[in-house]
N, C-alpha and C. Protein backbone atom coordinates (compact mmCIF):
# COMPACT_ATOMS: atom_id res chain seq x y z
N MET A 1 -6.11 1.70 38.14
CA MET A 1 -6.11 2.20 36.63
C MET A 1 -5.20 2.97 36.27
N ALA A 2 -5.30 2.92 35.03
CA ALA A 2 -4.10 4.00 34.33
C ALA A 2 -4.87 4.95 33.73
N LYS A 3 -3.95 6.12 33.90
CA LYS A 3 -4.48 7.54 33.51
C LYS A 3 -4.04 7.68 31.77
N ASN A 4 -5.04 8.20 31.11
CA ASN A 4 -4.78 8.52 29.59
C ASN A 4 -4.98 7.36 28.89
N ASP A 5 -5.72 6.26 29.31
CA ASP A 5 -5.77 5.12 28.34
C ASP A 5 -6.40 5.58 26.88
N VAL A 6 -7.31 6.35 26.95
CA VAL A 6 -8.08 6.77 25.88
C VAL A 6 -7.94 8.23 25.68
N HIS A 7 -7.40 8.66 24.42
CA HIS A 7 -7.50 10.15 24.27
C HIS A 7 -8.03 10.58 22.69
N ILE A 8 -8.45 11.86 22.78
CA ILE A 8 -8.93 12.41 21.41
C ILE A 8 -7.90 12.73 20.49
N ILE A 9 -8.01 12.37 19.35
CA ILE A 9 -7.02 12.69 18.21
C ILE A 9 -7.58 13.59 17.17
N ASP A 10 -8.83 13.49 17.08
CA ASP A 10 -9.55 14.44 15.84
C ASP A 10 -11.01 14.83 16.47
N THR A 11 -11.07 16.13 16.74
CA THR A 11 -12.33 16.82 17.25
C THR A 11 -13.44 16.78 16.07
N GLY A 12 -13.24 16.07 15.17
CA GLY A 12 -14.38 15.93 14.16
C GLY A 12 -15.12 17.42 13.87
N GLY A 13 -14.10 18.53 13.65
CA GLY A 13 -14.31 19.66 13.06
C GLY A 13 -14.68 20.58 14.21
N LEU A 14 -14.95 20.39 15.45
CA LEU A 14 -15.23 21.06 16.53
C LEU A 14 -13.83 21.82 17.08
N ASP A 15 -14.14 22.91 17.52
CA ASP A 15 -13.06 23.72 18.15
C ASP A 15 -12.62 23.01 19.34
N VAL A 16 -13.55 22.53 20.21
CA VAL A 16 -13.30 21.80 21.22
C VAL A 16 -14.46 20.80 21.66
N VAL A 17 -14.03 19.65 22.10
CA VAL A 17 -15.17 18.43 22.29
C VAL A 17 -15.72 19.01 23.89
N PRO A 18 -17.14 19.35 23.62
CA PRO A 18 -17.87 19.71 25.01
C PRO A 18 -17.66 18.60 25.97
N THR A 19 -17.59 19.15 27.37
CA THR A 19 -17.70 18.34 28.40
C THR A 19 -19.05 18.44 29.18
N ARG A 20 -19.42 17.54 30.03
CA ARG A 20 -20.51 17.65 30.80
C ARG A 20 -20.05 17.03 32.14
N THR A 21 -20.57 17.73 33.39
CA THR A 21 -20.07 17.04 34.45
C THR A 21 -21.41 16.27 35.09
N PHE A 22 -20.77 14.77 35.67
CA PHE A 22 -21.78 13.86 36.11
C PHE A 22 -21.47 13.32 37.54
N LEU A 23 -22.53 12.95 38.13
CA LEU A 23 -22.21 12.37 39.59
C LEU A 23 -21.51 11.18 39.46
N VAL A 24 -20.61 10.96 40.54
CA VAL A 24 -20.02 9.81 40.92
C VAL A 24 -20.27 9.26 42.31
N GLU A 25 -20.73 7.99 42.30
CA GLU A 25 -21.05 7.49 43.61
C GLU A 25 -19.81 7.14 44.43
N ASP A 26 -19.87 7.37 45.77
CA ASP A 26 -19.02 7.04 46.67
C ASP A 26 -18.35 5.42 46.35
N TYR A 27 -17.09 5.25 46.56
CA TYR A 27 -16.52 4.11 46.31
C TYR A 27 -16.78 2.97 47.24
N THR A 28 -17.34 2.99 48.25
CA THR A 28 -17.89 2.01 49.18
C THR A 28 -19.25 1.56 48.61
N ASN A 29 -20.16 2.34 48.27
CA ASN A 29 -21.53 2.09 47.68
C ASN A 29 -21.42 1.47 46.40
N SER A 30 -20.47 2.17 45.64
CA SER A 30 -20.20 1.72 44.21
C SER A 30 -19.52 0.49 43.93
N SER A 31 -18.69 0.14 45.04
CA SER A 31 -17.73 -0.85 44.81
C SER A 31 -16.85 -0.72 43.54
N SER A 32 -16.44 0.71 43.55
CA SER A 32 -15.71 1.20 42.22
C SER A 32 -14.30 1.68 42.99
N THR A 33 -13.50 2.11 42.11
CA THR A 33 -12.12 2.84 42.26
C THR A 33 -12.33 4.08 41.38
N GLN A 34 -11.49 5.09 41.69
CA GLN A 34 -11.59 6.43 41.19
C GLN A 34 -11.45 6.37 39.47
N ILE A 35 -12.30 7.19 38.95
CA ILE A 35 -12.32 7.34 37.47
C ILE A 35 -11.24 8.13 37.39
N LEU A 36 -10.22 7.90 36.29
CA LEU A 36 -9.21 8.66 35.97
C LEU A 36 -9.31 9.34 34.58
N VAL A 37 -8.74 10.41 34.20
CA VAL A 37 -8.91 11.12 32.88
C VAL A 37 -8.52 10.01 31.75
N GLY A 38 -9.19 9.96 30.75
CA GLY A 38 -9.07 9.05 29.68
C GLY A 38 -9.77 7.73 29.92
N GLU A 39 -10.56 7.42 30.77
CA GLU A 39 -11.16 6.21 30.98
C GLU A 39 -12.67 6.25 30.56
N PRO A 40 -13.11 5.25 29.99
CA PRO A 40 -14.38 5.38 29.49
C PRO A 40 -15.57 5.13 30.68
N VAL A 41 -16.58 5.75 30.41
CA VAL A 41 -17.62 5.58 31.57
C VAL A 41 -19.03 5.57 30.96
N ARG A 42 -19.90 5.11 31.63
CA ARG A 42 -21.30 4.67 31.43
C ARG A 42 -22.26 4.95 32.47
N ILE A 43 -23.62 5.06 32.44
CA ILE A 43 -24.49 5.25 33.37
C ILE A 43 -24.54 3.91 34.33
N SER A 44 -24.39 4.18 35.62
CA SER A 44 -24.58 3.06 36.45
C SER A 44 -25.94 2.33 36.43
N GLY A 45 -25.86 1.02 36.59
CA GLY A 45 -27.31 0.42 36.60
C GLY A 45 -27.84 0.28 35.39
N HIS A 46 -27.07 0.72 34.30
CA HIS A 46 -27.47 0.84 32.71
C HIS A 46 -28.51 1.61 32.56
N GLU A 47 -29.67 1.44 32.60
CA GLU A 47 -30.82 2.36 32.37
C GLU A 47 -31.15 3.08 33.71
N GLY A 48 -31.64 4.39 33.93
CA GLY A 48 -32.14 4.98 34.86
C GLY A 48 -31.18 5.29 36.18
N GLY A 49 -29.96 4.88 35.97
CA GLY A 49 -28.94 5.35 36.69
C GLY A 49 -28.61 6.85 37.00
N ASN A 50 -28.20 7.27 38.27
CA ASN A 50 -28.05 8.44 38.47
C ASN A 50 -26.46 8.92 38.53
N TYR A 51 -25.62 8.09 38.66
CA TYR A 51 -24.03 7.97 38.38
C TYR A 51 -23.46 7.38 37.31
N VAL A 52 -22.33 7.92 37.12
CA VAL A 52 -21.61 7.21 36.08
C VAL A 52 -20.38 6.43 36.76
N LEU A 53 -20.04 5.26 36.10
CA LEU A 53 -18.94 4.54 36.59
C LEU A 53 -18.15 3.93 35.37
N LYS A 54 -16.99 3.65 35.52
CA LYS A 54 -16.17 2.82 34.51
C LYS A 54 -16.82 1.88 33.83
N LEU A 55 -16.52 1.70 32.46
CA LEU A 55 -16.92 0.57 31.81
C LEU A 55 -16.11 -0.63 32.14
N ALA A 56 -16.75 -1.84 31.97
CA ALA A 56 -15.98 -3.22 32.30
C ALA A 56 -15.70 -3.67 30.83
N THR A 57 -15.01 -4.80 30.92
CA THR A 57 -14.43 -5.69 29.59
C THR A 57 -15.74 -5.81 28.85
N ALA A 58 -15.54 -5.70 27.58
CA ALA A 58 -16.83 -6.08 26.52
C ALA A 58 -17.81 -4.95 26.76
N GLU A 59 -17.52 -3.80 27.15
CA GLU A 59 -18.57 -2.56 26.98
C GLU A 59 -18.07 -1.54 26.03
N PRO A 60 -18.81 -0.71 25.55
CA PRO A 60 -20.04 -0.66 25.60
C PRO A 60 -20.91 -1.41 24.50
N LEU A 61 -21.98 -1.94 25.03
CA LEU A 61 -22.87 -2.54 24.21
C LEU A 61 -24.21 -1.91 23.69
N ILE A 62 -24.66 -1.67 22.61
CA ILE A 62 -25.80 -1.11 22.17
C ILE A 62 -27.16 -2.01 22.91
N GLY A 63 -27.74 -1.11 23.26
CA GLY A 63 -28.94 -1.70 23.92
C GLY A 63 -28.98 -2.21 25.32
N THR A 64 -27.72 -2.32 25.82
CA THR A 64 -27.35 -2.64 27.25
C THR A 64 -27.01 -1.50 28.06
N ASP A 65 -25.73 -0.86 27.28
CA ASP A 65 -25.16 0.00 28.20
C ASP A 65 -25.41 1.47 27.71
N ILE A 66 -25.36 2.52 28.46
CA ILE A 66 -25.59 3.80 27.91
C ILE A 66 -24.25 4.51 28.33
N PHE A 67 -23.41 4.60 27.11
CA PHE A 67 -22.12 5.01 27.05
C PHE A 67 -22.20 6.66 27.36
N MET A 68 -21.60 7.11 28.15
CA MET A 68 -21.54 8.61 28.47
C MET A 68 -20.31 9.34 28.05
N GLY A 69 -19.08 8.74 27.50
CA GLY A 69 -18.14 9.32 27.08
C GLY A 69 -16.76 8.88 27.69
N ILE A 70 -15.62 9.71 27.56
CA ILE A 70 -14.50 9.53 28.17
C ILE A 70 -14.16 10.57 29.35
N ALA A 71 -13.66 10.11 30.37
CA ALA A 71 -13.39 11.09 31.52
C ALA A 71 -12.37 12.24 31.00
N ALA A 72 -12.70 13.43 31.02
CA ALA A 72 -11.90 14.52 30.98
C ALA A 72 -11.14 14.89 32.16
N SER A 73 -11.51 14.58 33.34
CA SER A 73 -11.04 14.84 34.74
C SER A 73 -10.80 13.57 35.62
N ASN A 74 -10.14 13.55 36.55
CA ASN A 74 -10.26 12.49 37.51
C ASN A 74 -11.71 12.87 38.35
N ASP A 75 -12.16 11.74 38.73
CA ASP A 75 -13.34 12.07 39.67
C ASP A 75 -12.91 12.51 41.16
N THR A 76 -13.98 13.34 41.81
CA THR A 76 -13.75 13.77 43.23
C THR A 76 -14.17 12.99 44.31
N ALA A 77 -14.76 12.03 44.04
CA ALA A 77 -15.63 10.80 45.04
C ALA A 77 -14.58 10.39 45.95
N THR A 78 -14.92 10.13 47.22
CA THR A 78 -14.26 9.21 48.18
C THR A 78 -14.58 8.17 48.61
N SER A 79 -14.20 7.46 49.51
CA SER A 79 -14.75 6.20 50.05
C SER A 79 -16.06 6.46 50.58
N SER A 80 -16.12 7.80 51.23
CA SER A 80 -17.71 7.96 52.04
C SER A 80 -18.32 9.36 51.43
N ALA A 81 -17.86 9.79 50.32
CA ALA A 81 -18.50 10.94 49.59
C ALA A 81 -18.87 10.99 48.30
N ASP A 82 -19.88 11.04 47.63
CA ASP A 82 -20.17 11.09 46.39
C ASP A 82 -19.23 12.16 45.68
N GLY A 83 -18.80 12.20 44.61
CA GLY A 83 -18.24 13.52 43.75
C GLY A 83 -18.84 13.61 42.36
N THR A 84 -18.07 14.29 41.61
CA THR A 84 -18.30 14.60 40.23
C THR A 84 -17.06 14.16 39.30
N VAL A 85 -17.27 14.00 38.20
CA VAL A 85 -16.33 13.81 36.91
C VAL A 85 -16.69 14.57 35.69
N SER A 86 -15.75 15.36 35.00
CA SER A 86 -15.94 15.98 33.83
C SER A 86 -15.90 14.83 32.77
N VAL A 87 -16.69 14.80 31.80
CA VAL A 87 -16.60 13.79 30.77
C VAL A 87 -16.66 14.38 29.21
N TRP A 88 -15.84 14.17 28.33
CA TRP A 88 -16.02 14.51 27.09
C TRP A 88 -17.25 13.76 26.50
N LEU A 89 -18.29 14.60 25.91
CA LEU A 89 -19.44 13.95 25.28
C LEU A 89 -19.10 13.15 23.85
N PRO A 90 -19.56 11.89 23.94
CA PRO A 90 -19.32 11.11 22.83
C PRO A 90 -20.11 11.59 21.35
N LEU A 91 -19.61 12.63 20.83
CA LEU A 91 -20.33 13.19 19.62
C LEU A 91 -19.90 12.49 18.31
N PRO A 92 -20.71 12.52 17.27
CA PRO A 92 -20.26 11.88 16.02
C PRO A 92 -19.10 12.71 15.47
N GLY A 93 -18.14 11.96 14.73
CA GLY A 93 -17.00 12.59 14.15
C GLY A 93 -15.72 12.76 14.88
N VAL A 94 -15.88 12.51 16.26
CA VAL A 94 -14.80 12.57 17.14
C VAL A 94 -13.90 11.30 16.94
N VAL A 95 -12.76 11.19 17.05
CA VAL A 95 -12.09 10.13 16.68
C VAL A 95 -11.05 10.03 18.03
N TYR A 96 -11.12 8.73 18.64
CA TYR A 96 -10.25 8.61 19.82
C TYR A 96 -9.07 7.67 19.28
N ARG A 97 -8.17 7.57 20.29
CA ARG A 97 -7.00 6.63 20.13
C ARG A 97 -6.82 5.75 21.35
N CYS A 98 -6.45 4.38 21.24
CA CYS A 98 -6.25 3.69 22.54
C CYS A 98 -5.31 2.55 22.19
N LYS A 99 -4.72 2.01 22.95
CA LYS A 99 -3.68 0.78 22.69
C LYS A 99 -4.71 -0.26 22.38
N ALA A 100 -4.27 -1.34 21.25
CA ALA A 100 -4.91 -2.43 20.97
C ALA A 100 -4.71 -3.62 21.91
N THR A 101 -5.72 -4.22 22.13
CA THR A 101 -5.45 -5.48 23.26
C THR A 101 -4.18 -6.28 22.66
N THR A 102 -4.19 -6.78 21.47
CA THR A 102 -3.07 -7.62 20.81
C THR A 102 -2.49 -6.76 19.71
N LYS A 103 -1.29 -6.36 19.81
CA LYS A 103 -0.66 -5.57 18.75
C LYS A 103 -0.72 -6.32 17.34
N ALA A 104 -0.26 -7.58 17.52
CA ALA A 104 0.05 -8.42 16.62
C ALA A 104 -1.15 -8.46 15.69
N ASN A 105 -2.37 -8.23 16.11
CA ASN A 105 -3.66 -8.55 15.44
C ASN A 105 -3.83 -7.25 14.31
N LEU A 106 -3.26 -6.14 14.55
CA LEU A 106 -3.45 -5.11 13.66
C LEU A 106 -3.08 -5.08 12.11
N ALA A 107 -4.15 -5.28 11.52
CA ALA A 107 -3.93 -5.34 10.01
C ALA A 107 -5.17 -4.84 9.08
N THR A 108 -5.13 -4.80 8.09
CA THR A 108 -6.25 -3.87 7.22
C THR A 108 -7.46 -4.53 7.48
N GLY A 109 -7.62 -5.91 7.73
CA GLY A 109 -8.93 -6.25 7.95
C GLY A 109 -9.73 -6.03 9.13
N ILE A 110 -9.14 -5.15 10.10
CA ILE A 110 -9.94 -4.71 11.23
C ILE A 110 -10.62 -3.38 10.78
N GLU A 111 -10.17 -2.70 9.89
CA GLU A 111 -10.70 -1.61 9.51
C GLU A 111 -12.31 -1.56 9.59
N LEU A 112 -13.09 -0.60 10.12
CA LEU A 112 -14.43 -0.60 10.27
C LEU A 112 -15.06 -1.51 10.91
N ASP A 113 -14.34 -2.55 11.52
CA ASP A 113 -15.13 -3.50 12.55
C ASP A 113 -15.62 -2.82 13.75
N THR A 114 -16.47 -3.44 14.31
CA THR A 114 -17.28 -2.80 15.29
C THR A 114 -16.80 -3.67 16.80
N VAL A 115 -16.29 -3.17 17.60
CA VAL A 115 -15.62 -3.81 18.91
C VAL A 115 -16.00 -3.03 20.17
N THR A 116 -15.46 -3.63 21.27
CA THR A 116 -15.54 -2.99 22.56
C THR A 116 -14.41 -2.82 23.22
N PHE A 117 -14.30 -2.23 24.29
CA PHE A 117 -13.09 -2.19 25.29
C PHE A 117 -12.83 -3.52 25.97
N ASP A 118 -11.59 -3.53 26.22
CA ASP A 118 -11.10 -4.73 27.13
C ASP A 118 -10.45 -4.06 28.46
N LEU A 119 -10.59 -4.44 29.68
CA LEU A 119 -10.10 -3.94 30.94
C LEU A 119 -9.28 -5.02 31.33
N THR A 120 -7.98 -4.84 31.26
CA THR A 120 -7.13 -6.00 32.03
C THR A 120 -6.32 -5.33 33.13
N SER A 121 -6.72 -5.77 34.31
CA SER A 121 -6.16 -5.37 35.43
C SER A 121 -6.17 -3.67 35.86
N THR A 122 -5.31 -3.02 35.07
CA THR A 122 -5.18 -1.55 35.12
C THR A 122 -5.38 -0.66 33.86
N THR A 123 -5.61 -1.37 32.64
CA THR A 123 -5.46 -0.62 31.50
C THR A 123 -6.71 -1.00 30.66
N TYR A 124 -7.21 0.00 29.96
CA TYR A 124 -8.06 -0.15 28.92
C TYR A 124 -7.47 -0.42 27.57
N THR A 125 -7.97 -1.19 26.81
CA THR A 125 -7.40 -1.26 25.54
C THR A 125 -8.81 -1.56 24.56
N VAL A 126 -8.54 -1.43 23.21
CA VAL A 126 -9.67 -1.69 22.41
C VAL A 126 -9.52 -3.30 21.84
N ASP A 127 -10.52 -3.97 22.19
CA ASP A 127 -10.25 -5.41 21.51
C ASP A 127 -10.59 -5.57 20.36
N GLU A 128 -9.49 -5.48 19.43
CA GLU A 128 -9.56 -5.57 17.90
C GLU A 128 -9.86 -7.02 17.36
N ASN A 129 -9.60 -7.89 18.26
CA ASN A 129 -9.94 -9.24 17.91
C ASN A 129 -11.08 -9.88 18.38
N GLU A 130 -12.07 -9.00 19.04
CA GLU A 130 -13.36 -9.59 19.34
C GLU A 130 -13.89 -10.10 18.35
N GLY A 131 -13.90 -9.56 17.16
CA GLY A 131 -14.97 -10.00 16.17
C GLY A 131 -16.09 -8.80 16.08
N THR A 132 -16.58 -8.44 14.92
CA THR A 132 -17.46 -7.40 14.58
C THR A 132 -18.83 -7.96 14.73
N ASP A 133 -19.43 -6.89 15.50
CA ASP A 133 -21.04 -7.41 15.71
C ASP A 133 -21.54 -5.80 15.49
N GLU A 134 -22.03 -5.68 14.30
CA GLU A 134 -22.62 -4.33 14.03
C GLU A 134 -23.87 -4.04 15.07
N ASN A 135 -24.60 -4.82 15.44
CA ASN A 135 -25.83 -4.80 16.23
C ASN A 135 -25.59 -4.50 17.66
N ALA A 136 -24.26 -4.87 18.03
CA ALA A 136 -24.12 -4.85 19.68
C ALA A 136 -22.91 -4.02 20.00
N HIS A 137 -21.75 -3.91 19.19
CA HIS A 137 -20.46 -3.28 19.75
C HIS A 137 -20.56 -1.97 19.51
N GLY A 138 -20.00 -1.19 20.42
CA GLY A 138 -20.34 0.22 20.48
C GLY A 138 -19.19 1.13 19.84
N LEU A 139 -17.96 0.59 19.66
CA LEU A 139 -16.97 1.39 18.96
C LEU A 139 -16.72 0.79 17.52
N ARG A 140 -16.36 1.75 16.64
CA ARG A 140 -16.06 1.46 15.40
C ARG A 140 -14.52 1.83 14.96
N ILE A 141 -13.62 0.68 14.55
CA ILE A 141 -12.43 1.23 14.35
C ILE A 141 -12.31 1.68 12.93
N VAL A 142 -11.74 2.88 12.94
CA VAL A 142 -11.47 3.76 11.73
C VAL A 142 -9.85 3.80 11.13
N ASP A 143 -8.89 3.57 12.02
CA ASP A 143 -7.61 3.36 11.70
C ASP A 143 -6.70 2.62 12.81
N PHE A 144 -5.62 2.37 12.48
CA PHE A 144 -4.88 1.86 13.45
C PHE A 144 -3.36 2.01 13.12
N ASP A 145 -2.28 1.92 13.89
CA ASP A 145 -0.79 2.09 13.79
C ASP A 145 -0.24 0.88 14.13
N ALA A 146 -0.04 -0.12 13.45
CA ALA A 146 0.70 -1.32 13.84
C ALA A 146 1.97 -1.22 14.63
N SER A 147 2.86 -0.34 14.17
CA SER A 147 4.24 -0.30 14.67
C SER A 147 3.94 0.24 16.28
N ALA A 148 3.05 1.20 16.57
CA ALA A 148 2.55 1.66 17.83
C ALA A 148 1.82 1.01 18.65
N GLY A 149 1.10 -0.07 18.00
CA GLY A 149 -0.03 -0.74 18.66
C GLY A 149 -1.32 -0.27 19.12
N THR A 150 -1.59 1.03 18.26
CA THR A 150 -2.90 1.81 18.68
C THR A 150 -3.94 1.51 17.82
N VAL A 151 -5.06 1.81 18.14
CA VAL A 151 -6.38 1.70 17.31
C VAL A 151 -7.02 3.04 17.35
N ASP A 152 -7.55 3.54 16.20
CA ASP A 152 -8.35 4.88 16.14
C ASP A 152 -9.49 4.24 16.11
N PHE A 153 -10.73 5.02 16.91
CA PHE A 153 -11.88 4.61 16.77
C PHE A 153 -12.97 5.66 16.98
N GLU A 154 -14.18 5.33 16.54
CA GLU A 154 -15.31 6.58 16.69
C GLU A 154 -16.33 5.68 17.85
N ILE A 155 -16.99 6.27 18.49
CA ILE A 155 -18.26 5.71 19.40
C ILE A 155 -19.45 5.93 18.28
N LYS A 156 -20.00 4.55 18.29
CA LYS A 156 -21.32 4.56 17.62
C LYS A 156 -22.35 5.19 18.31
N ILE A 157 -23.01 5.97 17.63
CA ILE A 157 -24.09 6.91 18.33
C ILE A 157 -25.10 5.94 19.14
N ASN A 158 -25.59 4.88 18.61
CA ASN A 158 -26.71 4.20 19.31
C ASN A 158 -26.22 3.57 20.45
N ALA A 159 -24.91 3.72 21.11
CA ALA A 159 -24.34 3.23 21.95
C ALA A 159 -24.33 4.19 23.32
N THR A 160 -24.59 5.47 22.87
CA THR A 160 -24.46 6.61 23.76
C THR A 160 -25.84 7.22 24.13
N ARG A 161 -25.77 8.13 24.84
CA ARG A 161 -27.07 8.98 25.45
C ARG A 161 -27.58 9.63 24.38
N TYR A 162 -27.08 9.73 23.16
CA TYR A 162 -27.83 10.43 22.03
C TYR A 162 -28.37 9.38 21.12
N GLY A 163 -28.19 8.23 21.27
CA GLY A 163 -28.76 7.14 20.32
C GLY A 163 -30.03 6.73 20.71
N ASP A 164 -30.64 5.89 19.93
CA ASP A 164 -31.96 5.38 20.38
C ASP A 164 -31.67 3.99 21.07
N LEU A 165 -30.63 3.60 21.32
CA LEU A 165 -30.06 2.58 22.18
C LEU A 165 -31.02 1.14 21.95
N VAL A 166 -31.27 1.22 20.63
CA VAL A 166 -31.91 -0.14 19.94
C VAL A 166 -30.90 -0.89 19.27
N ALA A 167 -30.69 -2.18 19.75
CA ALA A 167 -29.69 -3.00 18.88
C ALA A 167 -30.39 -3.26 17.46
């Protein structure tokens, strides 16, 4: 995976975005790889899980995933031992930046669309071409930079541990 795929560009008026430490299951039992700083995470097993793991393509989804935030550290799990990861909490007003899936699609029409992440081999991007679905998609595009190929977005509260998780 790639380090720093997602980063905070606006703390929403907070002095610092708070973090919380979560458990990460060993890589053998979770069939996962290390969570790196800047990667989005959710609760494993969707509801009722005790661990966090990386999001997959087309996540987070409201009513399906419980999005926990963006990794603020690399996790400490190994192939045989559980570990922990520090995560920036997905609070309202915080704005994040990530590369767009397709730079050529960045145009005024995508602003305020709701979308999800795309994971292509080693890199997270925001799938600006996914089509907006207000009732399902967990990210809201608030700005973009066509020359840099980046998308600025907020995390919709209903996709997070703080929302009601109802589509």
